[in-house]
């Protein structure tokens, strides 16, 4: 949940935050903030602007940067149109598409 949702003042950028968290989970195979043992800990970290611990597990710097753009503070978060113009999405090659982000994935099986 985007931090600004707790303040009940938000716009469509909360969807970008949610998208970033979904990407993080897809890339790391971990729930965001899985290092927390209860909802109160998650609330505190999100409210304080602390990023999920699983973000540090992303090996590909381009993937990590793109996700960071999605989960940035609302004042720094990019819109959907801006993200669509991001080099990460524009520079797509076969090698990049099939490059395993997670070290335990074997693409030849």
PDB file of N, CA and C in Angstrom:
ATOM      1  N   UNK A   1       0.838  -1.163   0.000  1.00  0.00           N
ATOM      2  CA  UNK A   1       0.000   0.000   0.000  1.00  0.00           C
ATOM      3  C   UNK A   1       0.896   1.242   0.000  1.00  0.00           C
ATOM      4  N   UNK A   2       0.616   2.139  -0.908  1.00  0.00           N
ATOM      5  CA  UNK A   2       1.414   3.359  -1.015  1.00  0.00           C
ATOM      6  C   UNK A   2       1.305   4.186   0.267  1.00  0.00           C
ATOM      7  N   UNK A   3       2.396   4.816   0.679  1.00  0.00           N
ATOM      8  CA  UNK A   3       2.387   5.587   1.935  1.00  0.00           C
ATOM      9  C   UNK A   3       1.290   6.647   1.988  1.00  0.00           C
ATOM     10  N   UNK A   4       1.009   7.277   0.864  1.00  0.00           N
ATOM     11  CA  UNK A   4       0.017   8.352   0.867  1.00  0.00           C
ATOM     12  C   UNK A   4      -1.409   7.846   1.095  1.00  0.00           C
ATOM     13  N   UNK A   5      -1.647   6.557   0.908  1.00  0.00           N
ATOM     14  CA  UNK A   5      -2.972   6.003   1.198  1.00  0.00           C
ATOM     15  C   UNK A   5      -3.301   6.096   2.684  1.00  0.00           C
ATOM     16  N   UNK A   6      -2.290   6.002   3.527  1.00  0.00           N
ATOM     17  CA  UNK A   6      -2.510   6.119   4.970  1.00  0.00           C
ATOM     18  C   UNK A   6      -3.018   7.512   5.340  1.00  0.00           C
ATOM     19  N   UNK A   7      -2.635   8.514   4.570  1.00  0.00           N
ATOM     20  CA  UNK A   7      -3.077   9.887   4.822  1.00  0.00           C
ATOM     21  C   UNK A   7      -4.416  10.193   4.161  1.00  0.00           C
ATOM     22  N   UNK A   8      -4.908   9.259   3.366  1.00  0.00           N
ATOM     23  CA  UNK A   8      -6.175   9.379   2.639  1.00  0.00           C
ATOM     24  C   UNK A   8      -6.184  10.543   1.656  1.00  0.00           C
ATOM     25  N   UNK A   9      -5.019  10.959   1.215  1.00  0.00           N
ATOM     26  CA  UNK A   9      -4.896  11.972   0.166  1.00  0.00           C
ATOM     27  C   UNK A   9      -3.989  11.390  -0.904  1.00  0.00           C
ATOM     28  N   UNK A  10      -4.598  10.942  -1.986  1.00  0.00           N
ATOM     29  CA  UNK A  10      -3.810  10.248  -3.003  1.00  0.00           C
ATOM     30  C   UNK A  10      -4.430  10.432  -4.380  1.00  0.00           C
ATOM     31  N   UNK A  11      -3.668  10.009  -5.382  1.00  0.00           N
ATOM     32  CA  UNK A  11      -4.126  10.073  -6.768  1.00  0.00           C
ATOM     33  C   UNK A  11      -3.725   8.777  -7.475  1.00  0.00           C
ATOM     34  N   UNK A  12      -3.691   8.822  -8.790  1.00  0.00           N
ATOM     35  CA  UNK A  12      -3.403   7.616  -9.582  1.00  0.00           C
ATOM     36  C   UNK A  12      -1.978   7.092  -9.392  1.00  0.00           C
ATOM     37  N   UNK A  13      -1.108   7.867  -8.787  1.00  0.00           N
ATOM     38  CA  UNK A  13       0.265   7.404  -8.569  1.00  0.00           C
ATOM     39  C   UNK A  13       0.345   6.254  -7.564  1.00  0.00           C
ATOM     40  N   UNK A  14      -0.732   6.033  -6.794  1.00  0.00           N
ATOM     41  CA  UNK A  14      -0.741   4.865  -5.904  1.00  0.00           C
ATOM     42  C   UNK A  14      -0.707   3.579  -6.724  1.00  0.00           C
ATOM     43  N   UNK A  15      -1.272   3.627  -7.931  1.00  0.00           N
ATOM     44  CA  UNK A  15      -1.247   2.449  -8.805  1.00  0.00           C
ATOM     45  C   UNK A  15       0.161   2.164  -9.315  1.00  0.00           C
ATOM     46  N   UNK A  16       0.939   3.203  -9.531  1.00  0.00           N
ATOM     47  CA  UNK A  16       2.330   3.028  -9.948  1.00  0.00           C
ATOM     48  C   UNK A  16       3.116   2.373  -8.818  1.00  0.00           C
ATOM     49  N   UNK A  17       2.867   2.809  -7.590  1.00  0.00           N
ATOM     50  CA  UNK A  17       3.512   2.204  -6.420  1.00  0.00           C
ATOM     51  C   UNK A  17       3.155   0.721  -6.346  1.00  0.00           C
ATOM     52  N   UNK A  18       1.871   0.403  -6.493  1.00  0.00           N
ATOM     53  CA  UNK A  18       1.422  -0.994  -6.439  1.00  0.00           C
ATOM     54  C   UNK A  18       2.067  -1.812  -7.559  1.00  0.00           C
ATOM     55  N   UNK A  19       2.172  -1.223  -8.740  1.00  0.00           N
ATOM     56  CA  UNK A  19       2.829  -1.886  -9.870  1.00  0.00           C
ATOM     57  C   UNK A  19       4.282  -2.198  -9.529  1.00  0.00           C
ATOM     58  N   UNK A  20       4.967  -1.244  -8.935  1.00  0.00           N
ATOM     59  CA  UNK A  20       6.360  -1.458  -8.536  1.00  0.00           C
ATOM     60  C   UNK A  20       6.499  -2.581  -7.526  1.00  0.00           C
ATOM     61  N   UNK A  21       5.581  -2.643  -6.583  1.00  0.00           N
ATOM     62  CA  UNK A  21       5.615  -3.713  -5.582  1.00  0.00           C
ATOM     63  C   UNK A  21       5.325  -5.071  -6.226  1.00  0.00           C
ATOM     64  N   UNK A  22       4.424  -5.098  -7.190  1.00  0.00           N
ATOM     65  CA  UNK A  22       4.156  -6.349  -7.925  1.00  0.00           C
ATOM     66  C   UNK A  22       5.396  -6.792  -8.694  1.00  0.00           C
ATOM     67  N   UNK A  23       6.056  -5.847  -9.347  1.00  0.00           N
ATOM     68  CA  UNK A  23       7.292  -6.175 -10.062  1.00  0.00           C
ATOM     69  C   UNK A  23       8.343  -6.717  -9.103  1.00  0.00           C
ATOM     70  N   UNK A  24       8.458  -6.085  -7.953  1.00  0.00           N
ATOM     71  CA  UNK A  24       9.427  -6.528  -6.952  1.00  0.00           C
ATOM     72  C   UNK A  24       9.152  -7.971  -6.544  1.00  0.00           C
ATOM     73  N   UNK A  25       7.904  -8.292  -6.330  1.00  0.00           N
ATOM     74  CA  UNK A  25       7.548  -9.659  -5.950  1.00  0.00           C
ATOM     75  C   UNK A  25       7.820 -10.639  -7.088  1.00  0.00           C
ATOM     76  N   UNK A  26       7.523 -10.246  -8.315  1.00  0.00           N
ATOM     77  CA  UNK A  26       7.775 -11.116  -9.465  1.00  0.00           C
ATOM     78  C   UNK A  26       9.261 -11.389  -9.669  1.00  0.00           C
ATOM     79  N   UNK A  27      10.073 -10.390  -9.419  1.00  0.00           N
ATOM     80  CA  UNK A  27      11.514 -10.508  -9.643  1.00  0.00           C
ATOM     81  C   UNK A  27      12.215 -11.273  -8.523  1.00  0.00           C
ATOM     82  N   UNK A  28      11.776 -11.061  -7.293  1.00  0.00           N
ATOM     83  CA  UNK A  28      12.480 -11.653  -6.148  1.00  0.00           C
ATOM     84  C   UNK A  28      11.822 -12.919  -5.608  1.00  0.00           C
ATOM     85  N   UNK A  29      10.596 -13.176  -6.028  1.00  0.00           N
ATOM     86  CA  UNK A  29       9.826 -14.315  -5.500  1.00  0.00           C
ATOM     87  C   UNK A  29       9.576 -14.177  -4.001  1.00  0.00           C
ATOM     88  N   UNK A  30       9.532 -12.941  -3.521  1.00  0.00           N
ATOM     89  CA  UNK A  30       9.264 -12.659  -2.113  1.00  0.00           C
ATOM     90  C   UNK A  30       8.225 -11.550  -2.016  1.00  0.00           C
ATOM     91  N   UNK A  31       7.372 -11.644  -0.998  1.00  0.00           N
ATOM     92  CA  UNK A  31       6.460 -10.543  -0.737  1.00  0.00           C
ATOM     93  C   UNK A  31       7.272  -9.333  -0.295  1.00  0.00           C
ATOM     94  N   UNK A  32       6.922  -8.138  -0.763  1.00  0.00           N
ATOM     95  CA  UNK A  32       7.591  -6.948  -0.239  1.00  0.00           C
ATOM     96  C   UNK A  32       7.404  -6.859   1.278  1.00  0.00           C
ATOM     97  N   UNK A  33       8.434  -6.471   1.958  1.00  0.00           N
ATOM     98  CA  UNK A  33       8.454  -6.346   3.417  1.00  0.00           C
ATOM     99  C   UNK A  33       8.274  -7.690   4.118  1.00  0.00           C
ATOM    100  N   UNK A  34       8.706  -8.770   3.475  1.00  0.00           N
ATOM    101  CA  UNK A  34       8.604 -10.090   4.116  1.00  0.00           C
ATOM    102  C   UNK A  34       9.520 -10.184   5.338  1.00  0.00           C
ATOM    103  N   UNK A  35      10.429  -9.232   5.482  1.00  0.00           N
ATOM    104  CA  UNK A  35      11.294  -9.212   6.663  1.00  0.00           C
ATOM    105  C   UNK A  35      10.528  -8.773   7.917  1.00  0.00           C
ATOM    106  N   UNK A  36       9.332  -8.240   7.733  1.00  0.00           N
ATOM    107  CA  UNK A  36       8.505  -7.805   8.863  1.00  0.00           C
ATOM    108  C   UNK A  36       7.678  -8.980   9.382  1.00  0.00           C
ATOM    109  N   UNK A  37       7.451  -8.986  10.681  1.00  0.00           N
ATOM    110  CA  UNK A  37       6.693 -10.094  11.272  1.00  0.00           C
ATOM    111  C   UNK A  37       5.228  -9.752  11.523  1.00  0.00           C
ATOM    112  N   UNK A  38       4.847  -8.482  11.333  1.00  0.00           N
ATOM    113  CA  UNK A  38       3.438  -8.125  11.516  1.00  0.00           C
ATOM    114  C   UNK A  38       3.113  -6.856  10.724  1.00  0.00           C
ATOM    115  N   UNK A  39       1.816  -6.579  10.634  1.00  0.00           N
ATOM    116  CA  UNK A  39       1.348  -5.439   9.847  1.00  0.00           C
ATOM    117  C   UNK A  39       1.833  -4.106  10.409  1.00  0.00           C
ATOM    118  N   UNK A  40       1.980  -4.016  11.717  1.00  0.00           N
ATOM    119  CA  UNK A  40       2.448  -2.765  12.327  1.00  0.00           C
ATOM    120  C   UNK A  40       3.862  -2.420  11.871  1.00  0.00           C
ATOM    121  N   UNK A  41       4.712  -3.423  11.744  1.00  0.00           N
ATOM    122  CA  UNK A  41       6.080  -3.182  11.266  1.00  0.00           C
ATOM    123  C   UNK A  41       6.068  -2.706   9.818  1.00  0.00           C
ATOM    124  N   UNK A  42       5.214  -3.308   9.016  1.00  0.00           N
ATOM    125  CA  UNK A  42       5.103  -2.886   7.612  1.00  0.00           C
ATOM    126  C   UNK A  42       4.616  -1.440   7.553  1.00  0.00           C
ATOM    127  N   UNK A  43       3.588  -1.122   8.323  1.00  0.00           N
ATOM    128  CA  UNK A  43       3.046   0.235   8.362  1.00  0.00           C
ATOM    129  C   UNK A  43       4.134   1.246   8.714  1.00  0.00           C
ATOM    130  N   UNK A  44       4.924   0.939   9.731  1.00  0.00           N
ATOM    131  CA  UNK A  44       5.986   1.850  10.149  1.00  0.00           C
ATOM    132  C   UNK A  44       6.998   2.055   9.031  1.00  0.00           C
ATOM    133  N   UNK A  45       7.436   0.956   8.410  1.00  0.00           N
ATOM    134  CA  UNK A  45       8.447   1.072   7.350  1.00  0.00           C
ATOM    135  C   UNK A  45       7.908   1.857   6.158  1.00  0.00           C
ATOM    136  N   UNK A  46       6.690   1.541   5.747  1.00  0.00           N
ATOM    137  CA  UNK A  46       6.094   2.251   4.610  1.00  0.00           C
ATOM    138  C   UNK A  46       5.919   3.726   4.949  1.00  0.00           C
ATOM    139  N   UNK A  47       5.402   4.012   6.128  1.00  0.00           N
ATOM    140  CA  UNK A  47       5.185   5.407   6.550  1.00  0.00           C
ATOM    141  C   UNK A  47       6.484   6.190   6.652  1.00  0.00           C
ATOM    142  N   UNK A  48       7.550   5.523   7.064  1.00  0.00           N
ATOM    143  CA  UNK A  48       8.860   6.171   7.182  1.00  0.00           C
ATOM    144  C   UNK A  48       9.598   6.260   5.848  1.00  0.00           C
ATOM    145  N   UNK A  49       9.014   5.701   4.792  1.00  0.00           N
ATOM    146  CA  UNK A  49       9.653   5.738   3.480  1.00  0.00           C
ATOM    147  C   UNK A  49      10.763   4.723   3.314  1.00  0.00           C
ATOM    148  N   UNK A  50      10.801   3.735   4.191  1.00  0.00           N
ATOM    149  CA  UNK A  50      11.834   2.694   4.121  1.00  0.00           C
ATOM    150  C   UNK A  50      11.467   1.679   3.035  1.00  0.00           C
ATOM    151  N   UNK A  51      12.414   1.395   2.174  1.00  0.00           N
ATOM    152  CA  UNK A  51      12.188   0.455   1.067  1.00  0.00           C
ATOM    153  C   UNK A  51      12.185  -0.988   1.574  1.00  0.00           C
ATOM    154  N   UNK A  52      11.498  -1.886   0.860  1.00  0.00           N
ATOM    155  CA  UNK A  52      11.499  -3.304   1.247  1.00  0.00           C
ATOM    156  C   UNK A  52      12.902  -3.895   1.178  1.00  0.00           C
ATOM    157  N   UNK A  53      13.213  -4.793   2.096  1.00  0.00           N
ATOM    158  CA  UNK A  53      14.523  -5.435   2.122  1.00  0.00           C
ATOM    159  C   UNK A  53      14.814  -6.231   0.867  1.00  0.00           C
ATOM    160  N   UNK A  54      13.775  -6.768   0.246  1.00  0.00           N
ATOM    161  CA  UNK A  54      13.981  -7.590  -0.953  1.00  0.00           C
ATOM    162  C   UNK A  54      14.507  -6.781  -2.134  1.00  0.00           C
ATOM    163  N   UNK A  55      14.383  -5.469  -2.083  1.00  0.00           N
ATOM    164  CA  UNK A  55      14.915  -4.621  -3.158  1.00  0.00           C
ATOM    165  C   UNK A  55      16.424  -4.814  -3.306  1.00  0.00           C
ATOM    166  N   UNK A  56      17.102  -5.059  -2.203  1.00  0.00           N
ATOM    167  CA  UNK A  56      18.561  -5.249  -2.227  1.00  0.00           C
ATOM    168  C   UNK A  56      18.960  -6.567  -2.881  1.00  0.00           C
ATOM    169  N   UNK A  57      18.018  -7.466  -3.069  1.00  0.00           N
ATOM    170  CA  UNK A  57      18.319  -8.774  -3.652  1.00  0.00           C
ATOM    171  C   UNK A  57      18.281  -8.779  -5.172  1.00  0.00           C
ATOM    172  N   UNK A  58      17.890  -7.673  -5.771  1.00  0.00           N
ATOM    173  CA  UNK A  58      17.806  -7.598  -7.229  1.00  0.00           C
ATOM    174  C   UNK A  58      19.203  -7.412  -7.791  1.00  0.00           C
ATOM    175  N   UNK A  59      19.624  -8.340  -8.630  1.00  0.00           N
ATOM    176  CA  UNK A  59      20.971  -8.299  -9.189  1.00  0.00           C
ATOM    177  C   UNK A  59      21.125  -7.368 -10.376  1.00  0.00           C
ATOM    178  N   UNK A  60      20.082  -7.216 -11.168  1.00  0.00           N
ATOM    179  CA  UNK A  60      20.148  -6.390 -12.370  1.00  0.00           C
ATOM    180  C   UNK A  60      19.884  -4.930 -11.994  1.00  0.00           C
ATOM    181  N   UNK A  61      20.880  -4.053 -12.164  1.00  0.00           N
ATOM    182  CA  UNK A  61      20.712  -2.653 -11.751  1.00  0.00           C
ATOM    183  C   UNK A  61      19.615  -1.919 -12.520  1.00  0.00           C
ATOM    184  N   UNK A  62      19.373  -2.296 -13.777  1.00  0.00           N
ATOM    185  CA  UNK A  62      18.322  -1.639 -14.554  1.00  0.00           C
ATOM    186  C   UNK A  62      16.944  -1.979 -14.004  1.00  0.00           C
ATOM    187  N   UNK A  63      16.750  -3.233 -13.650  1.00  0.00           N
ATOM    188  CA  UNK A  63      15.476  -3.669 -13.072  1.00  0.00           C
ATOM    189  C   UNK A  63      15.261  -2.973 -11.734  1.00  0.00           C
ATOM    190  N   UNK A  64      16.299  -2.947 -10.928  1.00  0.00           N
ATOM    191  CA  UNK A  64      16.212  -2.313  -9.607  1.00  0.00           C
ATOM    192  C   UNK A  64      15.867  -0.831  -9.739  1.00  0.00           C
ATOM    193  N   UNK A  65      16.517  -0.133 -10.644  1.00  0.00           N
ATOM    194  CA  UNK A  65      16.263   1.294 -10.834  1.00  0.00           C
ATOM    195  C   UNK A  65      14.824   1.538 -11.284  1.00  0.00           C
ATOM    196  N   UNK A  66      14.326   0.701 -12.185  1.00  0.00           N
ATOM    197  CA  UNK A  66      12.954   0.866 -12.662  1.00  0.00           C
ATOM    198  C   UNK A  66      11.962   0.683 -11.511  1.00  0.00           C
ATOM    199  N   UNK A  67      12.174  -0.343 -10.700  1.00  0.00           N
ATOM    200  CA  UNK A  67      11.288  -0.574  -9.555  1.00  0.00           C
ATOM    201  C   UNK A  67      11.400   0.577  -8.560  1.00  0.00           C
ATOM    202  N   UNK A  68      12.610   1.069  -8.337  1.00  0.00           N
ATOM    203  CA  UNK A  68      12.791   2.211  -7.427  1.00  0.00           C
ATOM    204  C   UNK A  68      12.024   3.436  -7.914  1.00  0.00           C
ATOM    205  N   UNK A  69      11.971   3.633  -9.219  1.00  0.00           N
ATOM    206  CA  UNK A  69      11.206   4.753  -9.771  1.00  0.00           C
ATOM    207  C   UNK A  69       9.719   4.589  -9.473  1.00  0.00           C
ATOM    208  N   UNK A  70       9.253   3.354  -9.491  1.00  0.00           N
ATOM    209  CA  UNK A  70       7.834   3.077  -9.233  1.00  0.00           C
ATOM    210  C   UNK A  70       7.458   3.258  -7.768  1.00  0.00           C
ATOM    211  N   UNK A  71       8.379   2.954  -6.870  1.00  0.00           N
ATOM    212  CA  UNK A  71       8.049   3.014  -5.438  1.00  0.00           C
ATOM    213  C   UNK A  71       8.677   4.219  -4.743  1.00  0.00           C
ATOM    214  N   UNK A  72       9.087   5.186  -5.534  1.00  0.00           N
ATOM    215  CA  UNK A  72       9.672   6.416  -4.974  1.00  0.00           C
ATOM    216  C   UNK A  72       8.615   7.205  -4.199  1.00  0.00           C
ATOM    217  N   UNK A  73       9.071   8.203  -3.440  1.00  0.00           N
ATOM    218  CA  UNK A  73       8.136   9.105  -2.757  1.00  0.00           C
ATOM    219  C   UNK A  73       7.173   9.659  -3.794  1.00  0.00           C
ATOM    220  N   UNK A  74       5.964   9.938  -3.387  1.00  0.00           N
ATOM    221  CA  UNK A  74       4.945  10.396  -4.327  1.00  0.00           C
ATOM    222  C   UNK A  74       5.389  11.651  -5.080  1.00  0.00           C
ATOM    223  N   UNK A  75       6.157  12.517  -4.438  1.00  0.00           N
ATOM    224  CA  UNK A  75       6.615  13.748  -5.098  1.00  0.00           C
ATOM    225  C   UNK A  75       7.671  13.475  -6.166  1.00  0.00           C
ATOM    226  N   UNK A  76       8.283  12.290  -6.122  1.00  0.00           N
ATOM    227  CA  UNK A  76       9.324  11.921  -7.085  1.00  0.00           C
ATOM    228  C   UNK A  76       8.878  10.802  -8.025  1.00  0.00           C
ATOM    229  N   UNK A  77       7.731  10.206  -7.752  1.00  0.00           N
ATOM    230  CA  UNK A  77       7.252   9.056  -8.511  1.00  0.00           C
ATOM    231  C   UNK A  77       6.819   9.476  -9.913  1.00  0.00           C
ATOM    232  N   UNK A  78       7.180   8.666 -10.886  1.00  0.00           N
ATOM    233  CA  UNK A  78       6.832   8.946 -12.273  1.00  0.00           C
ATOM    234  C   UNK A  78       5.404   8.512 -12.578  1.00  0.00           C
ATOM    235  N   UNK A  79       4.802   9.175 -13.550  1.00  0.00           N
ATOM    236  CA  UNK A  79       3.465   8.791 -14.005  1.00  0.00           C
ATOM    237  C   UNK A  79       3.576   7.588 -14.935  1.00  0.00           C
ATOM    238  N   UNK A  80       2.442   7.012 -15.284  1.00  0.00           N
ATOM    239  CA  UNK A  80       2.438   5.874 -16.206  1.00  0.00           C
ATOM    240  C   UNK A  80       3.030   6.277 -17.554  1.00  0.00           C
ATOM    241  N   UNK A  81       2.677   7.450 -18.048  1.00  0.00           N
ATOM    242  CA  UNK A  81       3.225   7.913 -19.331  1.00  0.00           C
ATOM    243  C   UNK A  81       4.737   8.091 -19.266  1.00  0.00           C
ATOM    244  N   UNK A  82       5.224   8.615 -18.157  1.00  0.00           N
ATOM    245  CA  UNK A  82       6.670   8.786 -18.004  1.00  0.00           C
ATOM    246  C   UNK A  82       7.373   7.432 -17.936  1.00  0.00           C
ATOM    247  N   UNK A  83       6.773   6.481 -17.229  1.00  0.00           N
ATOM    248  CA  UNK A  83       7.374   5.145 -17.143  1.00  0.00           C
ATOM    249  C   UNK A  83       7.395   4.458 -18.502  1.00  0.00           C
ATOM    250  N   UNK A  84       6.358   4.674 -19.295  1.00  0.00           N
ATOM    251  CA  UNK A  84       6.322   4.066 -20.630  1.00  0.00           C
ATOM    252  C   UNK A  84       7.439   4.585 -21.526  1.00  0.00           C
ATOM    253  N   UNK A  85       7.956   5.764 -21.216  1.00  0.00           N
ATOM    254  CA  UNK A  85       9.054   6.346 -21.987  1.00  0.00           C
ATOM    255  C   UNK A  85      10.415   6.059 -21.352  1.00  0.00           C
ATOM    256  N   UNK A  86      10.417   5.296 -20.275  1.00  0.00           N
ATOM    257  CA  UNK A  86      11.658   4.978 -19.574  1.00  0.00           C
ATOM    258  C   UNK A  86      12.541   4.094 -20.452  1.00  0.00           C
ATOM    259  N   UNK A  87      13.845   4.330 -20.467  1.00  0.00           N
ATOM    260  CA  UNK A  87      14.760   3.506 -21.269  1.00  0.00           C
ATOM    261  C   UNK A  87      14.651   2.012 -20.963  1.00  0.00           C
ATOM    262  N   UNK A  88      14.308   1.666 -19.737  1.00  0.00           N
ATOM    263  CA  UNK A  88      14.178   0.252 -19.374  1.00  0.00           C
ATOM    264  C   UNK A  88      13.120  -0.437 -20.231  1.00  0.00           C
ATOM    265  N   UNK A  89      12.022   0.254 -20.503  1.00  0.00           N
ATOM    266  CA  UNK A  89      10.963  -0.334 -21.324  1.00  0.00           C
ATOM    267  C   UNK A  89      11.199  -0.131 -22.814  1.00  0.00           C
ATOM    268  N   UNK A  90      11.883   0.934 -23.171  1.00  0.00           N
ATOM    269  CA  UNK A  90      12.110   1.226 -24.585  1.00  0.00           C
ATOM    270  C   UNK A  90      13.233   0.396 -25.186  1.00  0.00           C
ATOM    271  N   UNK A  91      14.217   0.036 -24.384  1.00  0.00           N
ATOM    272  CA  UNK A  91      15.382  -0.710 -24.868  1.00  0.00           C
ATOM    273  C   UNK A  91      15.184  -2.198 -24.599  1.00  0.00           C
ATOM    274  N   UNK A  92      14.349  -2.820 -25.410  1.00  0.00           N
ATOM    275  CA  UNK A  92      14.051  -4.238 -25.218  1.00  0.00           C
ATOM    276  C   UNK A  92      14.721  -5.038 -26.329  1.00  0.00           C
ATOM    277  N   UNK A  93      15.526  -5.997 -25.922  1.00  0.00           N
ATOM    278  CA  UNK A  93      16.156  -6.899 -26.882  1.00  0.00           C
ATOM    279  C   UNK A  93      15.883  -8.325 -26.441  1.00  0.00           C
ATOM    280  N   UNK A  94      16.099  -9.270 -27.330  1.00  0.00           N
ATOM    281  CA  UNK A  94      15.870 -10.679 -26.997  1.00  0.00           C
ATOM    282  C   UNK A  94      16.697 -11.104 -25.797  1.00  0.00           C
ATOM    283  N   UNK A  95      17.939 -10.656 -25.732  1.00  0.00           N
ATOM    284  CA  UNK A  95      18.809 -11.041 -24.622  1.00  0.00           C
ATOM    285  C   UNK A  95      18.251 -10.532 -23.296  1.00  0.00           C
ATOM    286  N   UNK A  96      17.715  -9.329 -23.318  1.00  0.00           N
ATOM    287  CA  UNK A  96      17.190  -8.731 -22.099  1.00  0.00           C
ATOM    288  C   UNK A  96      15.903  -9.436 -21.656  1.00  0.00           C
ATOM    289  N   UNK A  97      15.070  -9.786 -22.611  1.00  0.00           N
ATOM    290  CA  UNK A  97      13.802 -10.428 -22.277  1.00  0.00           C
ATOM    291  C   UNK A  97      14.034 -11.770 -21.601  1.00  0.00           C
ATOM    292  N   UNK A  98      14.990 -12.521 -22.074  1.00  0.00           N
ATOM    293  CA  UNK A  98      15.195 -13.862 -21.563  1.00  0.00           C
ATOM    294  C   UNK A  98      16.309 -13.967 -20.530  1.00  0.00           C
ATOM    295  N   UNK A  99      16.824 -12.851 -20.093  1.00  0.00           N
ATOM    296  CA  UNK A  99      17.865 -12.854 -19.072  1.00  0.00           C
ATOM    297  C   UNK A  99      17.224 -13.130 -17.722  1.00  0.00           C
ATOM    298  N   UNK A 100      17.632 -14.200 -17.032  1.00  0.00           N
ATOM    299  CA  UNK A 100      17.023 -14.491 -15.732  1.00  0.00           C
ATOM    300  C   UNK A 100      17.468 -13.483 -14.673  1.00  0.00           C
ATOM    301  N   UNK A 101      16.515 -12.798 -14.089  1.00  0.00           N
ATOM    302  CA  UNK A 101      16.819 -11.810 -13.058  1.00  0.00           C
ATOM    303  C   UNK A 101      17.137 -12.510 -11.749  1.00  0.00           C
ATOM    304  N   UNK A 102      16.440 -13.584 -11.487  1.00  0.00           N
ATOM    305  CA  UNK A 102      16.642 -14.340 -10.251  1.00  0.00           C
ATOM    306  C   UNK A 102      17.681 -15.422 -10.519  1.00  0.00           C
ATOM    307  N   UNK A 103      18.705 -15.550  -9.693  1.00  0.00           N
ATOM    308  CA  UNK A 103      19.800 -16.491  -9.968  1.00  0.00           C
ATOM    309  C   UNK A 103      19.384 -17.958  -9.976  1.00  0.00           C
ATOM    310  N   UNK A 104      18.243 -18.298  -9.395  1.00  0.00           N
ATOM    311  CA  UNK A 104      17.830 -19.696  -9.331  1.00  0.00           C
ATOM    312  C   UNK A 104      16.988 -20.138 -10.521  1.00  0.00           C
ATOM    313  N   UNK A 105      16.768 -19.250 -11.469  1.00  0.00           N
ATOM    314  CA  UNK A 105      15.955 -19.596 -12.629  1.00  0.00           C
ATOM    315  C   UNK A 105      16.862 -20.076 -13.749  1.00  0.00           C
ATOM    316  N   UNK A 106      16.544 -21.221 -14.284  1.00  0.00           N
ATOM    317  CA  UNK A 106      17.282 -21.769 -15.413  1.00  0.00           C
ATOM    318  C   UNK A 106      16.376 -21.682 -16.628  1.00  0.00           C
ATOM    319  N   UNK A 107      16.703 -20.841 -17.592  1.00  0.00           N
ATOM    320  CA  UNK A 107      15.843 -20.626 -18.749  1.00  0.00           C
ATOM    321  C   UNK A 107      15.960 -21.725 -19.786  1.00  0.00           C
ATOM    322  N   UNK A 108      16.852 -22.669 -19.609  1.00  0.00           N
ATOM    323  CA  UNK A 108      17.010 -23.727 -20.608  1.00  0.00           C
ATOM    324  C   UNK A 108      16.144 -24.938 -20.312  1.00  0.00           C
ATOM    325  N   UNK A 109      15.497 -24.970 -19.181  1.00  0.00           N
ATOM    326  CA  UNK A 109      14.652 -26.125 -18.833  1.00  0.00           C
ATOM    327  C   UNK A 109      13.260 -25.952 -19.346  1.00  0.00           C
TER     328      UNK A 109
END
